[in-house]
Protein backbone atom coordinates (compact mmCIF):
# COMPACT_ATOMS: atom_id res chain seq x y z
CA MET A 1 -10.82 -22.08 9.96
CA ALA A 2 -7.97 -20.58 11.96
CA GLU A 3 -4.67 -22.40 11.75
CA SER A 4 -2.07 -22.84 14.47
CA SER A 5 1.41 -21.55 13.68
CA GLN A 6 3.13 -23.56 16.46
CA ARG A 7 4.34 -26.17 13.96
CA ARG A 8 7.30 -25.30 11.71
CA PRO A 9 6.00 -22.66 9.31
CA GLU A 10 6.81 -22.74 5.64
CA VAL A 11 7.48 -18.99 5.73
CA ALA A 12 8.79 -16.80 8.54
CA ILE A 13 7.92 -13.11 8.19
CA ALA A 14 10.09 -10.53 9.94
CA GLY A 15 7.94 -7.52 10.85
CA GLY A 16 4.26 -6.99 11.58
CA GLY A 17 3.71 -3.76 9.71
CA ILE A 18 1.56 -3.31 6.62
CA ALA A 19 3.99 -5.31 4.45
CA GLY A 20 4.30 -8.23 6.84
CA LEU A 21 0.60 -8.52 7.58
CA ALA A 22 -0.38 -8.25 3.90
CA THR A 23 2.14 -11.02 3.20
CA ALA A 24 0.66 -13.21 5.94
CA LEU A 25 -2.87 -12.77 4.58
CA THR A 26 -1.70 -13.56 1.05
CA LEU A 27 0.15 -16.69 2.14
CA HIS A 28 -2.87 -17.90 4.07
CA GLN A 29 -5.08 -17.28 1.04
CA ILE A 30 -2.94 -19.52 -1.18
CA GLY A 31 -2.46 -22.22 1.46
CA VAL A 32 1.07 -21.50 2.72
CA SER A 33 1.69 -21.63 6.46
CA CYS A 34 3.52 -18.72 8.04
CA VAL A 35 4.34 -16.90 11.24
CA VAL A 36 4.95 -13.18 11.75
CA VAL A 37 7.71 -12.14 14.16
CA GLU A 38 7.23 -8.58 15.40
CA SER A 39 9.52 -6.55 17.68
CA VAL A 40 6.93 -4.54 19.63
CA ALA A 41 5.24 -6.15 22.62
CA GLU A 42 1.80 -4.99 21.52
CA LEU A 43 0.66 -3.68 18.16
CA ARG A 44 -0.92 -0.23 18.47
CA PRO A 45 -2.24 2.17 15.80
CA LEU A 46 0.81 4.40 15.42
CA GLY A 47 1.70 6.72 12.57
CA VAL A 48 0.04 9.38 10.47
CA GLY A 49 -2.07 9.61 7.32
CA ILE A 50 -1.22 7.72 4.15
CA ASN A 51 -2.87 7.08 0.80
CA ILE A 52 -3.59 3.63 -0.56
CA GLN A 53 -3.62 3.79 -4.36
CA PRO A 54 -6.14 1.84 -6.48
CA ASN A 55 -3.57 -0.81 -7.43
CA ALA A 56 -3.17 -1.72 -3.75
CA VAL A 57 -6.87 -1.33 -2.92
CA ARG A 58 -7.58 -3.84 -5.69
CA GLU A 59 -5.28 -6.31 -3.91
CA LEU A 60 -6.98 -5.69 -0.56
CA PHE A 61 -10.37 -6.31 -2.17
CA ASP A 62 -9.01 -9.58 -3.59
CA LEU A 63 -7.94 -10.50 -0.05
CA GLY A 64 -11.54 -10.04 1.09
CA ILE A 65 -10.89 -6.67 2.69
CA GLY A 66 -13.41 -4.55 0.84
CA ALA A 67 -15.10 -1.20 1.14
CA ASP A 68 -17.21 -2.48 4.04
CA GLN A 69 -14.02 -2.63 6.13
CA LEU A 70 -11.94 0.13 4.55
CA ASP A 71 -14.71 2.71 4.82
CA THR A 72 -14.60 2.26 8.61
CA ILE A 73 -10.99 3.44 8.85
CA GLY A 74 -10.62 6.00 6.05
CA ILE A 75 -12.23 7.95 3.26
CA GLN A 76 -12.34 7.38 -0.48
CA ALA A 77 -10.20 10.07 -2.14
CA LYS A 78 -11.73 12.11 -4.95
CA GLU A 79 -9.05 14.61 -6.06
CA TRP A 80 -5.30 15.32 -6.15
CA ALA A 81 -4.45 19.02 -6.49
CA LEU A 82 -1.51 21.42 -6.47
CA VAL A 83 -2.00 25.04 -5.44
CA GLY A 84 0.64 27.77 -5.72
CA ARG A 85 1.86 29.95 -2.86
CA ASN A 86 -0.40 32.72 -4.14
CA GLY A 87 -3.41 30.44 -3.81
CA GLN A 88 -3.88 29.80 -7.53
CA ASP A 89 -4.64 26.29 -8.77
CA LEU A 90 -1.70 24.81 -10.68
CA TYR A 91 -3.00 21.32 -11.42
CA SER A 92 -5.77 18.98 -10.35
CA GLU A 93 -7.05 15.59 -11.37
CA PRO A 94 -9.77 13.24 -10.08
CA ARG A 95 -8.70 10.16 -8.17
CA GLY A 96 -10.08 6.73 -7.46
CA LEU A 97 -13.59 5.96 -8.63
CA ASP A 98 -14.06 9.56 -9.77
CA ALA A 99 -11.15 9.09 -12.17
CA GLY A 100 -12.63 5.96 -13.70
CA TYR A 101 -10.70 3.35 -11.73
CA GLU A 102 -12.57 0.20 -10.85
CA TRP A 103 -11.25 0.51 -7.30
CA PRO A 104 -11.17 3.49 -4.93
CA GLN A 105 -8.15 5.30 -3.57
CA TYR A 106 -8.22 5.58 0.22
CA SER A 107 -6.84 8.18 2.59
CA VAL A 108 -6.40 6.46 5.95
CA HIS A 109 -4.46 6.60 9.18
CA ARG A 110 -1.52 4.26 8.77
CA GLY A 111 -1.98 2.71 12.20
CA GLN A 112 -5.66 2.04 11.61
CA LEU A 113 -4.85 0.20 8.38
CA GLN A 114 -2.21 -1.85 10.18
CA MET A 115 -4.67 -2.78 12.92
CA LEU A 116 -7.33 -3.72 10.35
CA LEU A 117 -4.85 -6.07 8.67
CA TYR A 118 -3.79 -7.41 12.07
CA ARG A 119 -7.38 -8.23 13.06
CA ASN A 120 -7.85 -10.08 9.79
CA VAL A 121 -4.64 -12.05 10.35
CA ILE A 122 -5.71 -13.12 13.83
CA ASP A 123 -9.23 -14.00 12.66
CA ARG A 124 -8.01 -16.08 9.74
CA LEU A 125 -4.69 -17.55 10.87
CA GLY A 126 -5.28 -17.78 14.61
CA PRO A 127 -3.91 -16.02 17.70
CA ASP A 128 -0.46 -17.60 17.41
CA ALA A 129 0.17 -16.28 13.92
CA VAL A 130 1.87 -13.11 15.18
CA ARG A 131 4.62 -13.51 17.77
CA THR A 132 5.28 -10.14 19.37
CA GLY A 133 8.14 -8.92 21.52
CA MET A 134 10.80 -10.51 19.29
CA ARG A 135 13.00 -8.72 16.77
CA VAL A 136 14.60 -10.63 13.91
CA ASN A 137 18.26 -9.57 13.87
CA GLY A 138 19.74 -11.99 11.37
CA TYR A 139 19.45 -15.26 9.50
CA THR A 140 21.42 -18.37 8.60
CA PRO A 141 20.87 -20.46 5.45
CA THR A 142 20.13 -24.12 6.13
CA ALA A 143 19.77 -27.19 3.94
CA GLY A 144 16.71 -26.34 1.87
CA GLY A 145 15.64 -23.45 4.08
CA VAL A 146 16.65 -20.70 6.50
CA THR A 147 16.75 -19.98 10.21
CA ALA A 148 15.66 -16.52 11.33
CA HIS A 149 17.42 -15.38 14.49
CA ALA A 150 15.31 -13.27 16.82
CA GLN A 151 15.81 -11.74 20.23
CA THR A 152 13.15 -11.13 22.84
CA ARG A 153 12.86 -7.88 24.75
CA ALA A 154 14.44 -9.72 27.70
CA GLY A 155 17.47 -10.61 25.59
CA GLU A 156 16.61 -14.27 24.98
CA ARG A 157 17.54 -15.69 21.59
CA VAL A 158 14.78 -17.42 19.63
CA ASP A 159 15.39 -19.24 16.33
CA VAL A 160 12.59 -19.71 13.82
CA ASP A 161 13.18 -22.39 11.18
CA ALA A 162 11.34 -22.09 7.88
CA THR A 163 11.65 -22.79 4.20
CA LEU A 164 11.61 -19.07 3.36
CA LEU A 165 12.27 -15.85 5.28
CA VAL A 166 10.41 -12.74 4.10
CA ALA A 167 11.99 -9.65 5.65
CA CYS A 168 9.43 -6.88 6.13
CA ASP A 169 11.45 -5.19 8.86
CA GLY A 170 11.42 -1.69 7.41
CA LEU A 171 13.88 1.12 6.86
CA HIS A 172 16.32 -0.15 9.50
CA SER A 173 16.08 -3.77 8.34
CA ALA A 174 18.56 -6.04 10.10
CA VAL A 175 18.07 -8.65 7.39
CA ARG A 176 18.95 -6.15 4.67
CA ALA A 177 22.02 -5.05 6.66
CA GLN A 178 23.23 -8.66 6.77
CA MET A 179 22.43 -9.20 3.09
CA HIS A 180 24.15 -5.94 2.07
CA PRO A 181 26.72 -5.14 4.79
CA ASP A 182 28.35 -2.43 2.67
CA GLN A 183 25.15 -0.58 1.78
CA PRO A 184 25.38 3.22 1.89
CA PRO A 185 23.84 5.02 4.86
CA ILE A 186 20.26 6.20 4.80
CA ASN A 187 19.86 9.00 2.26
CA TRP A 188 18.57 12.40 3.38
CA GLY A 189 18.27 15.16 0.79
CA GLY A 190 17.54 18.05 3.15
CA ALA A 191 13.73 17.91 3.41
CA ILE A 192 12.25 18.10 6.91
CA MET A 193 8.63 17.16 7.52
CA TRP A 194 6.39 18.03 10.44
CA ARG A 195 3.25 15.92 10.63
CA GLY A 196 0.02 16.05 12.60
CA THR A 197 -3.75 15.83 12.40
CA THR A 198 -6.34 18.53 13.13
CA GLN A 199 -10.12 18.57 13.34
CA ALA A 200 -11.10 20.97 10.56
CA ALA A 201 -13.55 21.43 7.72
CA PRO A 202 -12.55 19.54 4.55
CA ILE A 203 -12.29 21.66 1.40
CA ARG A 204 -12.82 21.35 -2.37
CA THR A 205 -14.45 17.95 -2.98
CA GLY A 206 -14.46 17.10 0.72
CA ALA A 207 -12.01 14.28 -0.04
CA SER A 208 -9.18 16.17 -1.77
CA PHE A 209 -5.44 15.70 -1.39
CA VAL A 210 -3.98 19.22 -1.68
CA GLY A 211 -0.34 20.25 -2.03
CA LEU A 212 0.08 23.99 -1.35
CA GLY A 213 3.25 26.03 -1.85
CA THR A 214 6.51 25.56 -3.72
CA PHE A 215 8.91 22.71 -4.29
CA GLU A 216 11.09 23.64 -1.30
CA GLN A 217 8.36 24.86 1.05
CA ARG A 218 4.90 23.38 1.07
CA ILE A 219 2.10 21.89 3.08
CA VAL A 220 0.08 18.85 2.11
CA PHE A 221 -3.29 18.10 3.70
CA TYR A 222 -6.19 15.73 3.21
CA PRO A 223 -8.97 14.18 5.32
CA ILE A 224 -8.47 10.66 6.61
CA GLY A 225 -12.06 10.17 7.68
CA PRO A 226 -15.56 11.46 6.94
CA PRO A 227 -16.82 14.70 8.49
CA ASP A 228 -18.79 14.56 11.71
CA PRO A 229 -22.46 14.96 10.76
CA THR A 230 -23.00 17.41 13.63
CA THR A 231 -19.94 19.65 13.42
CA GLY A 232 -18.94 19.17 9.78
CA LEU A 233 -15.33 18.70 10.92
CA ALA A 234 -13.11 15.85 9.80
CA GLU A 235 -9.70 14.60 10.89
CA ILE A 236 -7.32 16.37 8.51
CA ASN A 237 -3.87 14.87 8.09
CA TRP A 238 -1.22 17.48 7.29
CA ILE A 239 2.47 17.49 6.42
CA ALA A 240 4.45 20.74 6.52
CA GLU A 241 7.77 20.58 4.72
CA VAL A 242 10.82 22.73 4.12
CA THR A 243 14.10 21.88 2.41
CA VAL A 244 17.40 22.93 3.98
CA ASP A 245 21.10 22.39 3.24
CA PRO A 246 21.73 18.69 3.99
CA SER A 247 25.53 18.99 4.13
CA GLU A 248 25.69 18.78 7.92
CA GLY A 249 23.46 15.72 8.06
CA TRP A 250 20.52 14.94 10.27
CA GLY A 251 21.68 15.56 13.81
CA ASP A 252 18.95 13.91 15.91
CA ALA A 253 19.02 10.14 16.21
CA ASP A 254 15.29 10.05 17.00
CA TRP A 255 13.64 10.43 13.60
CA THR A 256 10.05 10.48 14.81
CA ARG A 257 10.27 12.84 17.75
CA LYS A 258 7.56 15.09 19.10
CA VAL A 259 8.31 18.79 18.67
CA ASP A 260 6.76 22.11 19.63
CA LEU A 261 5.05 24.19 16.97
CA SER A 262 7.05 27.21 18.08
CA ASP A 263 10.24 25.52 16.84
CA TRP A 264 9.22 25.71 13.18
CA ILE A 265 5.82 27.26 12.49
CA HIS A 266 7.45 30.58 11.53
CA HIS A 267 8.23 28.97 8.16
CA PHE A 268 4.54 29.35 7.37
CA ASP A 269 3.90 32.89 8.63
CA GLY A 270 1.42 34.67 6.38
CA TRP A 271 0.03 31.51 4.79
CA GLU A 272 -3.60 32.62 4.96
CA PHE A 273 -6.23 32.36 2.23
CA ASP A 274 -9.96 32.92 2.17
CA TRP A 275 -10.39 29.14 1.84
CA MET A 276 -7.64 27.99 4.23
CA ASP A 277 -5.84 29.40 7.29
CA VAL A 278 -2.69 27.29 7.31
CA GLN A 279 -1.49 28.55 10.70
CA ALA A 280 -4.84 27.64 12.28
CA LEU A 281 -4.65 24.17 10.72
CA LEU A 282 -1.16 23.61 12.11
CA ARG A 283 -1.99 24.98 15.56
CA GLY A 284 -5.03 22.74 15.84
CA SER A 285 -2.97 19.57 16.26
CA ASP A 286 -2.48 18.09 19.74
CA GLN A 287 0.78 16.40 18.76
CA VAL A 288 3.33 17.20 16.08
CA TYR A 289 6.07 14.84 14.94
CA GLU A 290 9.24 15.70 13.07
CA TYR A 291 10.65 13.44 10.38
CA PRO A 292 13.49 13.77 7.92
CA MET A 293 12.43 12.72 4.43
CA VAL A 294 14.69 9.71 3.85
CA ASP A 295 15.09 6.70 1.64
CA ARG A 296 17.74 4.12 0.73
CA ASP A 297 19.68 3.65 -2.46
CA PRO A 298 18.41 0.82 -4.67
CA ILE A 299 20.19 -2.51 -4.20
CA PRO A 300 21.37 -4.95 -6.89
CA THR A 301 19.26 -7.77 -5.44
CA GLY A 302 16.74 -8.29 -2.68
CA ILE A 303 17.28 -12.01 -2.28
CA ASP A 304 19.83 -14.31 -0.69
CA GLY A 305 18.94 -17.95 -1.27
CA HIS A 306 15.75 -18.57 0.70
CA THR A 307 15.54 -15.02 2.10
CA VAL A 308 13.85 -12.05 0.43
CA LEU A 309 13.36 -8.37 1.27
CA LEU A 310 9.88 -6.89 0.88
CA GLY A 311 8.29 -3.47 1.45
CA ASP A 312 10.45 -0.74 2.98
CA ALA A 313 13.20 -3.25 3.73
CA ALA A 314 13.58 -3.65 -0.03
CA HIS A 315 12.77 -0.16 -1.28
CA ALA A 316 12.20 2.53 1.37
CA MET A 317 11.12 5.60 -0.58
CA TYR A 318 10.25 9.25 -0.08
CA PRO A 319 6.54 9.67 0.71
CA THR A 320 6.17 12.26 -2.08
CA GLY A 321 4.46 9.71 -4.32
CA SER A 322 2.05 8.44 -1.66
CA ASN A 323 2.86 4.90 -2.73
CA GLY A 324 5.16 3.35 -0.13
CA ALA A 325 2.43 1.42 1.69
CA SER A 326 0.68 0.66 -1.59
CA GLN A 327 3.83 -0.90 -3.01
CA ALA A 328 4.28 -3.01 0.11
CA ILE A 329 0.81 -4.48 -0.40
CA VAL A 330 1.48 -5.08 -4.09
CA ASP A 331 4.83 -6.71 -3.18
CA ALA A 332 3.02 -9.20 -0.97
CA ARG A 333 0.61 -10.13 -3.74
CA VAL A 334 3.31 -10.51 -6.39
CA LEU A 335 5.24 -12.74 -4.00
CA GLY A 336 2.11 -14.87 -3.63
CA ALA A 337 1.81 -15.14 -7.40
CA CYS A 338 5.43 -16.26 -7.68
CA LEU A 339 4.90 -18.92 -5.00
CA LEU A 340 1.88 -20.21 -6.88
CA GLU A 341 4.00 -20.59 -10.00
CA HIS A 342 7.19 -22.00 -8.49
CA GLY A 343 6.16 -23.45 -5.13
CA VAL A 344 7.63 -22.48 -1.76
CA SER A 345 11.16 -22.25 -3.08
CA ALA A 346 14.14 -20.07 -3.80
CA ALA A 347 13.03 -20.07 -7.45
CA ALA A 348 9.90 -18.17 -6.44
CA LEU A 349 12.05 -15.52 -4.77
CA ASP A 350 14.24 -15.26 -7.86
CA ASP A 351 11.14 -14.63 -9.96
CA PHE A 352 9.81 -12.07 -7.47
CA ASP A 353 13.10 -10.15 -7.55
CA ALA A 354 13.23 -10.26 -11.34
CA ARG A 355 9.69 -8.88 -11.63
CA LEU A 356 9.96 -5.98 -9.20
CA ARG A 357 13.52 -4.94 -8.42
CA GLU A 358 14.25 -2.74 -11.45
CA PRO A 359 10.83 -1.06 -11.84
CA ILE A 360 10.50 -0.31 -8.13
CA SER A 361 14.08 0.93 -7.92
CA SER A 362 13.12 3.45 -10.59
CA VAL A 363 10.15 4.54 -8.46
CA VAL A 364 12.48 5.08 -5.49
CA LEU A 365 14.63 7.39 -7.60
CA ARG A 366 11.61 9.11 -9.13
CA ASN A 367 10.22 9.84 -5.66
CA ARG A 368 13.65 11.09 -4.58
CA ALA A 369 13.28 13.61 -7.39
CA ALA A 370 9.97 14.65 -5.75
CA GLY A 371 7.63 12.24 -7.51
CA PRO A 372 4.46 14.08 -8.55
CA PHE A 373 5.68 17.15 -6.64
CA GLY A 374 8.39 17.40 -9.27
CA LEU A 375 5.72 19.31 -11.15
CA LEU A 376 6.13 22.09 -8.56
CA LYS A 377 9.87 22.03 -9.17
CA LEU A 378 9.31 22.36 -12.91
CA ILE A 379 6.99 25.31 -12.35
CA ASP A 380 9.42 26.97 -9.94
CA GLU A 381 12.29 26.60 -12.40
CA ARG A 382 10.32 28.24 -15.22
CA SER A 383 8.74 31.05 -13.24
CA ASP A 384 9.39 33.39 -10.35
CA GLY A 385 7.18 31.26 -8.11
CA ASP A 386 4.31 33.76 -8.11
CA VAL A 387 2.46 32.17 -11.03
CA HIS A 388 -0.72 33.84 -12.26
CA ASP A 389 -0.84 32.30 -15.74
CA ILE A 390 0.33 28.73 -15.30
CA ASP A 391 -0.22 27.87 -18.97
CA ALA A 392 2.40 30.45 -19.94
CA PHE A 393 5.06 28.46 -18.08
CA VAL A 394 3.92 24.83 -18.14
CA PRO A 395 1.03 24.17 -20.56
CA ALA A 396 -1.88 22.01 -19.43
CA ALA A 397 -0.93 19.16 -21.76
CA GLU A 398 2.60 19.05 -20.34
CA ARG A 399 1.32 19.02 -16.77
CA ALA A 400 -1.05 16.17 -17.58
CA GLU A 401 1.70 14.19 -19.30
CA PHE A 402 4.02 14.67 -16.30
CA MET A 403 1.41 13.13 -14.02
CA ARG A 404 0.56 10.36 -16.48
CA ARG A 405 4.20 9.25 -16.53
CA PHE A 406 4.29 9.16 -12.74
CA ARG A 407 1.13 7.06 -12.46
CA GLU A 408 2.47 4.64 -15.05
CA ALA A 409 5.83 4.27 -13.30
CA ALA A 410 4.17 3.80 -9.90
CA GLY A 411 1.93 1.02 -11.22
CA PHE A 412 -1.49 2.67 -11.13
CA ALA A 413 -2.04 3.89 -14.65
CA LYS A 414 -5.82 3.63 -14.99
CA ASP A 415 -6.29 1.83 -18.29
CA GLN A 416 -3.56 -0.73 -17.65
CA LEU A 417 -4.75 -1.41 -14.12
CA ASN A 418 -8.42 -1.72 -15.05
CA ALA A 419 -7.59 -4.16 -17.85
CA ALA A 420 -5.06 -6.29 -15.94
CA PRO A 421 -6.04 -9.76 -14.70
CA PRO A 422 -5.93 -10.40 -10.94
CA THR A 423 -2.45 -10.81 -9.50
CA ILE A 424 -3.74 -13.99 -7.82
CA ALA A 425 -6.63 -15.79 -9.46
CA PRO A 426 -9.66 -16.40 -7.22
CA GLY A 427 -9.36 -19.72 -5.42
CA ALA A 428 -5.75 -20.32 -6.46
CA THR A 429 -3.75 -22.43 -4.01
CA ILE A 430 -0.23 -23.75 -3.89
CA ARG A 431 0.62 -26.94 -5.72
CA ARG A 432 1.94 -29.71 -3.45
């Protein structure tokens, strides 16, 4: 039965993105009252394609969001592949169920996943569970709790009292800025991404994630939905990327701005193959957005008394590993497990930070070093880039080991994941 969040919630959640909504669903599942405070006036399906790894899909399934719902917003991934600039395969591996996981991997539109989570929150927690049009801009510790300070779009101040504050307010987190006022600026290493979607025919398995090019100049593309049964075309998410000298910094303050193809498509002149016309793929998008590839340096702690950082607020990372959203979902579930063990308390946040801070900080740095695309860097360093005999430069066993280490560090090594008990046992609720 839906619950009202008008009474004092046990947990206030700053941010209604994937991290915040997954946290709300987890708290509701274990019997902890909460309210989500979101800055936008109305949630809409914004963003581009993302991948949800099996470790996070497992958690969604355990939340009651199974294939019956996820199949309506995305497609189950079957393959991850790297292809050289000359069109030769460099590495490929099956993904999801095809790789032997007990859970699929999904390629989805980020905004559609957010809206799916949002609908589940409203259905389960009630229409007052998400308070929109208010941005949390700070917090004050109180006796046995915390007050989250928010501001409406009209400039009115609203205070939300709770036992705990979970800050899921993203890359530009105001809560993190208060917790770590001397944190370094956002890190940009010189990579620029242009992102869009195009109706096109899927290739290889029909559900393949393909990285094509070199370490410093590549395009990534994958379908985020099934093909139309009449046309055979699917919505293909693509990311075109080049790396430039970062010494002058990122000059535009708007980091998700629309741009014209003519501003940058020359970087991919001549990228035509018998199985893919890259220029046609890029030109088929109605809208193109430009992003710098950014992250933040790891922090020594993500907690301050009764306040905790979660998701991108805690560990914004390069998208090279396709595991930012996945980690946010896993964060929410681990937090729930800690609350089950310690109650709604600062001790639960201490345990959460102890479990995740160091391993996820290492993932942030691994993704900064290109994550799985570091394999392209290794190949580039050992060859002239025009590789015809990949085994002569990086043997198959070494390539497989490189990827195995990444999956293990990112928390979705198959054997460990398949054998692990649920993060939250079925039916578990908070002790009172």
